[in-house]
């Protein structure tokens, strides 16, 4: 009841939670290497900061195809989203 946004992107999703836009709240980056939504998706959290149940914006596709096994790494103080390489 009261669902505002469906966070579904397909099977085998790899979510990463971090502040993508620098506004102080946590957003979702989700990689989905499967059909029908193959790609890397951003679910932006517009706030307010610290909300117990954030409401995310509809997804925006950042790119694709998505690699498997996304992870977040910090390199020189900057976040980098890394994934496996496949041929």
PDB file of N, CA and C in Angstrom:
ATOM      1  N   UNK A   1       0.834  -1.207   0.000  1.00  0.00           N
ATOM      2  CA  UNK A   1       0.000   0.000   0.000  1.00  0.00           C
ATOM      3  C   UNK A   1       0.866   1.254   0.000  1.00  0.00           C
ATOM      4  N   UNK A   2       0.507   2.201  -0.823  1.00  0.00           N
ATOM      5  CA  UNK A   2       1.217   3.471  -0.854  1.00  0.00           C
ATOM      6  C   UNK A   2       2.522   3.450  -1.638  1.00  0.00           C
ATOM      7  N   UNK A   3       2.779   2.388  -2.424  1.00  0.00           N
ATOM      8  CA  UNK A   3       4.003   2.315  -3.211  1.00  0.00           C
ATOM      9  C   UNK A   3       4.032   3.457  -4.212  1.00  0.00           C
ATOM     10  N   UNK A   4       5.132   4.201  -4.215  1.00  0.00           N
ATOM     11  CA  UNK A   4       5.253   5.337  -5.115  1.00  0.00           C
ATOM     12  C   UNK A   4       6.122   4.995  -6.316  1.00  0.00           C
ATOM     13  N   UNK A   5       7.232   4.292  -6.100  1.00  0.00           N
ATOM     14  CA  UNK A   5       8.162   3.940  -7.170  1.00  0.00           C
ATOM     15  C   UNK A   5       8.562   2.488  -7.011  1.00  0.00           C
ATOM     16  N   UNK A   6       8.541   1.750  -8.109  1.00  0.00           N
ATOM     17  CA  UNK A   6       8.973   0.360  -8.113  1.00  0.00           C
ATOM     18  C   UNK A   6      10.460   0.324  -8.440  1.00  0.00           C
ATOM     19  N   UNK A   7      11.279  -0.265  -7.566  1.00  0.00           N
ATOM     20  CA  UNK A   7      12.725  -0.301  -7.770  1.00  0.00           C
ATOM     21  C   UNK A   7      13.178  -1.517  -8.572  1.00  0.00           C
ATOM     22  N   UNK A   8      12.301  -2.162  -9.261  1.00  0.00           N
ATOM     23  CA  UNK A   8      12.636  -3.371 -10.009  1.00  0.00           C
ATOM     24  C   UNK A   8      13.450  -3.045 -11.253  1.00  0.00           C
ATOM     25  N   UNK A   9      14.553  -3.780 -11.472  1.00  0.00           N
ATOM     26  CA  UNK A   9      15.337  -3.628 -12.695  1.00  0.00           C
ATOM     27  C   UNK A   9      15.617  -4.969 -13.364  1.00  0.00           C
ATOM     28  N   UNK A  10      15.083  -6.060 -12.855  1.00  0.00           N
ATOM     29  CA  UNK A  10      15.304  -7.365 -13.465  1.00  0.00           C
ATOM     30  C   UNK A  10      16.036  -8.305 -12.525  1.00  0.00           C
ATOM     31  N   UNK A  11      16.367  -9.454 -13.057  1.00  0.00           N
ATOM     32  CA  UNK A  11      17.059 -10.477 -12.274  1.00  0.00           C
ATOM     33  C   UNK A  11      18.547 -10.165 -12.134  1.00  0.00           C
ATOM     34  N   UNK A  12      19.146 -10.714 -11.105  1.00  0.00           N
ATOM     35  CA  UNK A  12      20.592 -10.648 -10.862  1.00  0.00           C
ATOM     36  C   UNK A  12      21.087  -9.212 -10.701  1.00  0.00           C
ATOM     37  N   UNK A  13      20.339  -8.396 -10.009  1.00  0.00           N
ATOM     38  CA  UNK A  13      20.727  -7.001  -9.798  1.00  0.00           C
ATOM     39  C   UNK A  13      21.829  -6.901  -8.745  1.00  0.00           C
ATOM     40  N   UNK A  14      22.719  -5.942  -8.939  1.00  0.00           N
ATOM     41  CA  UNK A  14      23.812  -5.667  -8.012  1.00  0.00           C
ATOM     42  C   UNK A  14      23.686  -4.222  -7.544  1.00  0.00           C
ATOM     43  N   UNK A  15      23.099  -3.992  -6.356  1.00  0.00           N
ATOM     44  CA  UNK A  15      22.887  -2.616  -5.883  1.00  0.00           C
ATOM     45  C   UNK A  15      24.108  -2.053  -5.156  1.00  0.00           C
ATOM     46  N   UNK A  16      24.307  -0.771  -5.315  1.00  0.00           N
ATOM     47  CA  UNK A  16      25.338  -0.027  -4.593  1.00  0.00           C
ATOM     48  C   UNK A  16      24.647   1.191  -3.993  1.00  0.00           C
ATOM     49  N   UNK A  17      24.857   1.409  -2.707  1.00  0.00           N
ATOM     50  CA  UNK A  17      24.243   2.539  -2.016  1.00  0.00           C
ATOM     51  C   UNK A  17      25.333   3.549  -1.697  1.00  0.00           C
ATOM     52  N   UNK A  18      25.209   4.747  -2.251  1.00  0.00           N
ATOM     53  CA  UNK A  18      26.092   5.846  -1.874  1.00  0.00           C
ATOM     54  C   UNK A  18      25.511   7.160  -2.394  1.00  0.00           C
ATOM     55  N   UNK A  19      26.066   8.254  -1.944  1.00  0.00           N
ATOM     56  CA  UNK A  19      25.568   9.578  -2.290  1.00  0.00           C
ATOM     57  C   UNK A  19      26.107   9.987  -3.661  1.00  0.00           C
ATOM     58  N   UNK A  20      25.418   9.606  -4.696  1.00  0.00           N
ATOM     59  CA  UNK A  20      25.863   9.828  -6.069  1.00  0.00           C
ATOM     60  C   UNK A  20      25.901  11.305  -6.444  1.00  0.00           C
ATOM     61  N   UNK A  21      24.926  12.083  -5.987  1.00  0.00           N
ATOM     62  CA  UNK A  21      24.821  13.478  -6.404  1.00  0.00           C
ATOM     63  C   UNK A  21      25.357  14.481  -5.382  1.00  0.00           C
ATOM     64  N   UNK A  22      25.912  13.992  -4.273  1.00  0.00           N
ATOM     65  CA  UNK A  22      26.552  14.877  -3.304  1.00  0.00           C
ATOM     66  C   UNK A  22      25.622  15.745  -2.484  1.00  0.00           C
ATOM     67  N   UNK A  23      24.337  15.353  -2.385  1.00  0.00           N
ATOM     68  CA  UNK A  23      23.386  16.183  -1.633  1.00  0.00           C
ATOM     69  C   UNK A  23      23.192  15.731  -0.188  1.00  0.00           C
ATOM     70  N   UNK A  24      23.966  14.728   0.259  1.00  0.00           N
ATOM     71  CA  UNK A  24      23.916  14.316   1.658  1.00  0.00           C
ATOM     72  C   UNK A  24      23.009  13.143   1.959  1.00  0.00           C
ATOM     73  N   UNK A  25      22.261  12.633   0.976  1.00  0.00           N
ATOM     74  CA  UNK A  25      21.456  11.435   1.210  1.00  0.00           C
ATOM     75  C   UNK A  25      21.941  10.321   0.278  1.00  0.00           C
ATOM     76  N   UNK A  26      21.524   9.101   0.588  1.00  0.00           N
ATOM     77  CA  UNK A  26      22.017   7.948  -0.156  1.00  0.00           C
ATOM     78  C   UNK A  26      21.131   7.628  -1.360  1.00  0.00           C
ATOM     79  N   UNK A  27      21.773   7.449  -2.499  1.00  0.00           N
ATOM     80  CA  UNK A  27      21.112   7.075  -3.740  1.00  0.00           C
ATOM     81  C   UNK A  27      21.452   5.612  -4.038  1.00  0.00           C
ATOM     82  N   UNK A  28      20.804   5.051  -5.047  1.00  0.00           N
ATOM     83  CA  UNK A  28      21.078   3.674  -5.461  1.00  0.00           C
ATOM     84  C   UNK A  28      21.610   3.650  -6.887  1.00  0.00           C
ATOM     85  N   UNK A  29      22.710   2.941  -7.077  1.00  0.00           N
ATOM     86  CA  UNK A  29      23.196   2.589  -8.402  1.00  0.00           C
ATOM     87  C   UNK A  29      22.966   1.084  -8.494  1.00  0.00           C
ATOM     88  N   UNK A  30      22.293   0.630  -9.548  1.00  0.00           N
ATOM     89  CA  UNK A  30      21.975  -0.787  -9.686  1.00  0.00           C
ATOM     90  C   UNK A  30      22.424  -1.262 -11.059  1.00  0.00           C
ATOM     91  N   UNK A  31      23.255  -2.307 -11.053  1.00  0.00           N
ATOM     92  CA  UNK A  31      23.660  -2.941 -12.300  1.00  0.00           C
ATOM     93  C   UNK A  31      22.842  -4.192 -12.505  1.00  0.00           C
ATOM     94  N   UNK A  32      22.291  -4.336 -13.688  1.00  0.00           N
ATOM     95  CA  UNK A  32      21.509  -5.519 -14.016  1.00  0.00           C
ATOM     96  C   UNK A  32      22.036  -6.093 -15.330  1.00  0.00           C
ATOM     97  N   UNK A  33      22.754  -7.238 -15.278  1.00  0.00           N
ATOM     98  CA  UNK A  33      23.298  -7.818 -16.493  1.00  0.00           C
ATOM     99  C   UNK A  33      22.306  -8.716 -17.233  1.00  0.00           C
ATOM    100  N   UNK A  34      21.074  -8.784 -16.777  1.00  0.00           N
ATOM    101  CA  UNK A  34      20.092  -9.697 -17.344  1.00  0.00           C
ATOM    102  C   UNK A  34      19.018  -8.931 -18.111  1.00  0.00           C
ATOM    103  N   UNK A  35      18.158  -9.653 -18.780  1.00  0.00           N
ATOM    104  CA  UNK A  35      17.044  -9.071 -19.523  1.00  0.00           C
ATOM    105  C   UNK A  35      15.872  -8.848 -18.592  1.00  0.00           C
ATOM    106  N   UNK A  36      15.016  -7.935 -18.833  1.00  0.00           N
ATOM    107  CA  UNK A  36      14.931  -7.046 -19.991  1.00  0.00           C
ATOM    108  C   UNK A  36      15.605  -5.690 -19.774  1.00  0.00           C
ATOM    109  N   UNK A  37      16.177  -5.446 -18.611  1.00  0.00           N
ATOM    110  CA  UNK A  37      16.666  -4.102 -18.264  1.00  0.00           C
ATOM    111  C   UNK A  37      18.180  -4.026 -18.181  1.00  0.00           C
ATOM    112  N   UNK A  38      18.899  -4.720 -19.060  1.00  0.00           N
ATOM    113  CA  UNK A  38      20.354  -4.754 -18.999  1.00  0.00           C
ATOM    114  C   UNK A  38      20.908  -3.332 -19.020  1.00  0.00           C
ATOM    115  N   UNK A  39      21.672  -3.009 -17.990  1.00  0.00           N
ATOM    116  CA  UNK A  39      22.282  -1.692 -17.908  1.00  0.00           C
ATOM    117  C   UNK A  39      22.612  -1.324 -16.479  1.00  0.00           C
ATOM    118  N   UNK A  40      23.150  -0.135 -16.321  1.00  0.00           N
ATOM    119  CA  UNK A  40      23.444   0.434 -15.009  1.00  0.00           C
ATOM    120  C   UNK A  40      22.458   1.576 -14.799  1.00  0.00           C
ATOM    121  N   UNK A  41      21.748   1.532 -13.683  1.00  0.00           N
ATOM    122  CA  UNK A  41      20.635   2.440 -13.418  1.00  0.00           C
ATOM    123  C   UNK A  41      20.882   3.258 -12.157  1.00  0.00           C
ATOM    124  N   UNK A  42      20.453   4.507 -12.173  1.00  0.00           N
ATOM    125  CA  UNK A  42      20.505   5.381 -11.000  1.00  0.00           C
ATOM    126  C   UNK A  42      19.092   5.596 -10.496  1.00  0.00           C
ATOM    127  N   UNK A  43      18.889   5.315  -9.203  1.00  0.00           N
ATOM    128  CA  UNK A  43      17.650   5.661  -8.504  1.00  0.00           C
ATOM    129  C   UNK A  43      18.018   6.782  -7.538  1.00  0.00           C
ATOM    130  N   UNK A  44      17.672   8.008  -7.894  1.00  0.00           N
ATOM    131  CA  UNK A  44      18.047   9.157  -7.078  1.00  0.00           C
ATOM    132  C   UNK A  44      17.083   9.340  -5.917  1.00  0.00           C
ATOM    133  N   UNK A  45      17.650   9.597  -4.747  1.00  0.00           N
ATOM    134  CA  UNK A  45      16.891   9.889  -3.540  1.00  0.00           C
ATOM    135  C   UNK A  45      16.856  11.409  -3.398  1.00  0.00           C
ATOM    136  N   UNK A  46      15.705  12.056  -3.642  1.00  0.00           N
ATOM    137  CA  UNK A  46      15.654  13.512  -3.596  1.00  0.00           C
ATOM    138  C   UNK A  46      15.617  14.085  -2.176  1.00  0.00           C
ATOM    139  N   UNK A  47      15.572  13.227  -1.164  1.00  0.00           N
ATOM    140  CA  UNK A  47      15.584  13.709   0.210  1.00  0.00           C
ATOM    141  C   UNK A  47      14.226  13.563   0.859  1.00  0.00           C
ATOM    142  N   UNK A  48      14.051  14.005   2.057  1.00  0.00           N
ATOM    143  CA  UNK A  48      15.025  14.711   2.879  1.00  0.00           C
ATOM    144  C   UNK A  48      16.112  13.781   3.417  1.00  0.00           C
ATOM    145  N   UNK A  49      17.244  14.377   3.756  1.00  0.00           N
ATOM    146  CA  UNK A  49      18.366  13.612   4.269  1.00  0.00           C
ATOM    147  C   UNK A  49      17.984  12.905   5.563  1.00  0.00           C
ATOM    148  N   UNK A  50      18.382  11.636   5.688  1.00  0.00           N
ATOM    149  CA  UNK A  50      18.127  10.867   6.905  1.00  0.00           C
ATOM    150  C   UNK A  50      16.742  10.276   7.012  1.00  0.00           C
ATOM    151  N   UNK A  51      15.937  10.342   5.962  1.00  0.00           N
ATOM    152  CA  UNK A  51      14.581   9.783   6.008  1.00  0.00           C
ATOM    153  C   UNK A  51      14.646   8.274   6.236  1.00  0.00           C
ATOM    154  N   UNK A  52      13.801   7.758   7.117  1.00  0.00           N
ATOM    155  CA  UNK A  52      13.796   6.326   7.408  1.00  0.00           C
ATOM    156  C   UNK A  52      13.318   5.502   6.219  1.00  0.00           C
ATOM    157  N   UNK A  53      12.404   6.040   5.444  1.00  0.00           N
ATOM    158  CA  UNK A  53      11.885   5.351   4.268  1.00  0.00           C
ATOM    159  C   UNK A  53      11.960   6.307   3.077  1.00  0.00           C
ATOM    160  N   UNK A  54      13.137   6.376   2.432  1.00  0.00           N
ATOM    161  CA  UNK A  54      13.270   7.312   1.312  1.00  0.00           C
ATOM    162  C   UNK A  54      12.397   6.897   0.131  1.00  0.00           C
ATOM    163  N   UNK A  55      11.971   7.878  -0.627  1.00  0.00           N
ATOM    164  CA  UNK A  55      11.215   7.654  -1.856  1.00  0.00           C
ATOM    165  C   UNK A  55      12.149   8.025  -3.003  1.00  0.00           C
ATOM    166  N   UNK A  56      12.422   7.076  -3.878  1.00  0.00           N
ATOM    167  CA  UNK A  56      13.370   7.286  -4.962  1.00  0.00           C
ATOM    168  C   UNK A  56      12.672   7.768  -6.229  1.00  0.00           C
ATOM    169  N   UNK A  57      13.399   8.559  -7.018  1.00  0.00           N
ATOM    170  CA  UNK A  57      12.935   8.992  -8.329  1.00  0.00           C
ATOM    171  C   UNK A  57      12.855   7.773  -9.253  1.00  0.00           C
ATOM    172  N   UNK A  58      12.082   7.845 -10.330  1.00  0.00           N
ATOM    173  CA  UNK A  58      12.129   6.767 -11.324  1.00  0.00           C
ATOM    174  C   UNK A  58      13.561   6.604 -11.843  1.00  0.00           C
ATOM    175  N   UNK A  59      13.930   5.406 -12.247  1.00  0.00           N
ATOM    176  CA  UNK A  59      15.329   5.159 -12.630  1.00  0.00           C
ATOM    177  C   UNK A  59      15.736   5.914 -13.887  1.00  0.00           C
ATOM    178  N   UNK A  60      17.026   6.230 -13.923  1.00  0.00           N
ATOM    179  CA  UNK A  60      17.639   6.841 -15.102  1.00  0.00           C
ATOM    180  C   UNK A  60      18.790   5.929 -15.528  1.00  0.00           C
ATOM    181  N   UNK A  61      18.796   5.511 -16.771  1.00  0.00           N
ATOM    182  CA  UNK A  61      19.834   4.597 -17.248  1.00  0.00           C
ATOM    183  C   UNK A  61      21.127   5.374 -17.458  1.00  0.00           C
ATOM    184  N   UNK A  62      22.205   4.900 -16.791  1.00  0.00           N
ATOM    185  CA  UNK A  62      23.500   5.546 -16.915  1.00  0.00           C
ATOM    186  C   UNK A  62      24.325   4.950 -18.042  1.00  0.00           C
ATOM    187  N   UNK A  63      24.037   3.715 -18.409  1.00  0.00           N
ATOM    188  CA  UNK A  63      24.801   3.069 -19.469  1.00  0.00           C
ATOM    189  C   UNK A  63      24.532   1.587 -19.526  1.00  0.00           C
ATOM    190  N   UNK A  64      25.179   0.931 -20.439  1.00  0.00           N
ATOM    191  CA  UNK A  64      25.025  -0.502 -20.590  1.00  0.00           C
ATOM    192  C   UNK A  64      25.840  -0.978 -21.764  1.00  0.00           C
ATOM    193  N   UNK A  65      25.999  -2.245 -21.914  1.00  0.00           N
ATOM    194  CA  UNK A  65      25.440  -3.285 -21.059  1.00  0.00           C
ATOM    195  C   UNK A  65      26.134  -3.305 -19.700  1.00  0.00           C
ATOM    196  N   UNK A  66      25.438  -3.861 -18.737  1.00  0.00           N
ATOM    197  CA  UNK A  66      25.948  -3.873 -17.360  1.00  0.00           C
ATOM    198  C   UNK A  66      26.909  -5.028 -17.142  1.00  0.00           C
ATOM    199  N   UNK A  67      28.008  -4.766 -16.432  1.00  0.00           N
ATOM    200  CA  UNK A  67      28.870  -5.864 -16.017  1.00  0.00           C
ATOM    201  C   UNK A  67      28.248  -6.582 -14.828  1.00  0.00           C
ATOM    202  N   UNK A  68      28.698  -7.785 -14.584  1.00  0.00           N
ATOM    203  CA  UNK A  68      28.266  -8.506 -13.382  1.00  0.00           C
ATOM    204  C   UNK A  68      29.108  -8.055 -12.194  1.00  0.00           C
ATOM    205  N   UNK A  69      28.570  -8.250 -11.011  1.00  0.00           N
ATOM    206  CA  UNK A  69      29.309  -8.043  -9.766  1.00  0.00           C
ATOM    207  C   UNK A  69      29.835  -6.627  -9.601  1.00  0.00           C
ATOM    208  N   UNK A  70      28.937  -5.651  -9.628  1.00  0.00           N
ATOM    209  CA  UNK A  70      29.343  -4.276  -9.356  1.00  0.00           C
ATOM    210  C   UNK A  70      29.773  -4.128  -7.910  1.00  0.00           C
ATOM    211  N   UNK A  71      30.734  -3.250  -7.678  1.00  0.00           N
ATOM    212  CA  UNK A  71      31.180  -2.934  -6.331  1.00  0.00           C
ATOM    213  C   UNK A  71      31.630  -1.477  -6.300  1.00  0.00           C
ATOM    214  N   UNK A  72      31.653  -0.897  -5.118  1.00  0.00           N
ATOM    215  CA  UNK A  72      32.090   0.484  -4.940  1.00  0.00           C
ATOM    216  C   UNK A  72      33.503   0.482  -4.376  1.00  0.00           C
ATOM    217  N   UNK A  73      34.377   1.269  -4.984  1.00  0.00           N
ATOM    218  CA  UNK A  73      35.748   1.397  -4.518  1.00  0.00           C
ATOM    219  C   UNK A  73      36.083   2.878  -4.429  1.00  0.00           C
ATOM    220  N   UNK A  74      36.905   3.238  -3.464  1.00  0.00           N
ATOM    221  CA  UNK A  74      37.328   4.632  -3.314  1.00  0.00           C
ATOM    222  C   UNK A  74      38.769   4.743  -3.784  1.00  0.00           C
ATOM    223  N   UNK A  75      39.005   5.574  -4.803  1.00  0.00           N
ATOM    224  CA  UNK A  75      40.341   5.753  -5.361  1.00  0.00           C
ATOM    225  C   UNK A  75      40.671   7.242  -5.293  1.00  0.00           C
ATOM    226  N   UNK A  76      41.738   7.556  -4.578  1.00  0.00           N
ATOM    227  CA  UNK A  76      42.148   8.955  -4.375  1.00  0.00           C
ATOM    228  C   UNK A  76      41.016   9.808  -3.830  1.00  0.00           C
ATOM    229  N   UNK A  77      40.232   9.247  -2.909  1.00  0.00           N
ATOM    230  CA  UNK A  77      39.155   9.972  -2.256  1.00  0.00           C
ATOM    231  C   UNK A  77      37.894  10.138  -3.086  1.00  0.00           C
ATOM    232  N   UNK A  78      37.842   9.513  -4.253  1.00  0.00           N
ATOM    233  CA  UNK A  78      36.661   9.612  -5.118  1.00  0.00           C
ATOM    234  C   UNK A  78      36.048   8.237  -5.302  1.00  0.00           C
ATOM    235  N   UNK A  79      34.700   8.160  -5.288  1.00  0.00           N
ATOM    236  CA  UNK A  79      34.053   6.857  -5.473  1.00  0.00           C
ATOM    237  C   UNK A  79      34.136   6.410  -6.930  1.00  0.00           C
ATOM    238  N   UNK A  80      34.394   5.108  -7.117  1.00  0.00           N
ATOM    239  CA  UNK A  80      34.416   4.510  -8.452  1.00  0.00           C
ATOM    240  C   UNK A  80      33.560   3.260  -8.399  1.00  0.00           C
ATOM    241  N   UNK A  81      32.654   3.111  -9.349  1.00  0.00           N
ATOM    242  CA  UNK A  81      31.841   1.913  -9.458  1.00  0.00           C
ATOM    243  C   UNK A  81      32.561   0.972 -10.407  1.00  0.00           C
ATOM    244  N   UNK A  82      32.898  -0.201  -9.892  1.00  0.00           N
ATOM    245  CA  UNK A  82      33.683  -1.176 -10.658  1.00  0.00           C
ATOM    246  C   UNK A  82      32.861  -2.426 -10.908  1.00  0.00           C
ATOM    247  N   UNK A  83      33.149  -3.105 -12.012  1.00  0.00           N
ATOM    248  CA  UNK A  83      32.463  -4.341 -12.344  1.00  0.00           C
ATOM    249  C   UNK A  83      33.404  -5.305 -13.016  1.00  0.00           C
ATOM    250  N   UNK A  84      32.978  -6.545 -13.131  1.00  0.00           N
ATOM    251  CA  UNK A  84      33.805  -7.555 -13.776  1.00  0.00           C
ATOM    252  C   UNK A  84      33.858  -7.301 -15.278  1.00  0.00           C
ATOM    253  N   UNK A  85      34.924  -7.750 -15.885  1.00  0.00           N
ATOM    254  CA  UNK A  85      35.047  -7.615 -17.339  1.00  0.00           C
ATOM    255  C   UNK A  85      34.747  -8.955 -17.982  1.00  0.00           C
ATOM    256  N   UNK A  86      33.918  -8.934 -19.024  1.00  0.00           N
ATOM    257  CA  UNK A  86      33.616 -10.157 -19.727  1.00  0.00           C
ATOM    258  C   UNK A  86      33.907  -9.966 -21.206  1.00  0.00           C
ATOM    259  N   UNK A  87      34.154 -11.078 -21.880  1.00  0.00           N
ATOM    260  CA  UNK A  87      34.393 -11.013 -23.322  1.00  0.00           C
ATOM    261  C   UNK A  87      33.160 -11.450 -24.054  1.00  0.00           C
TER     262      UNK A  87
END
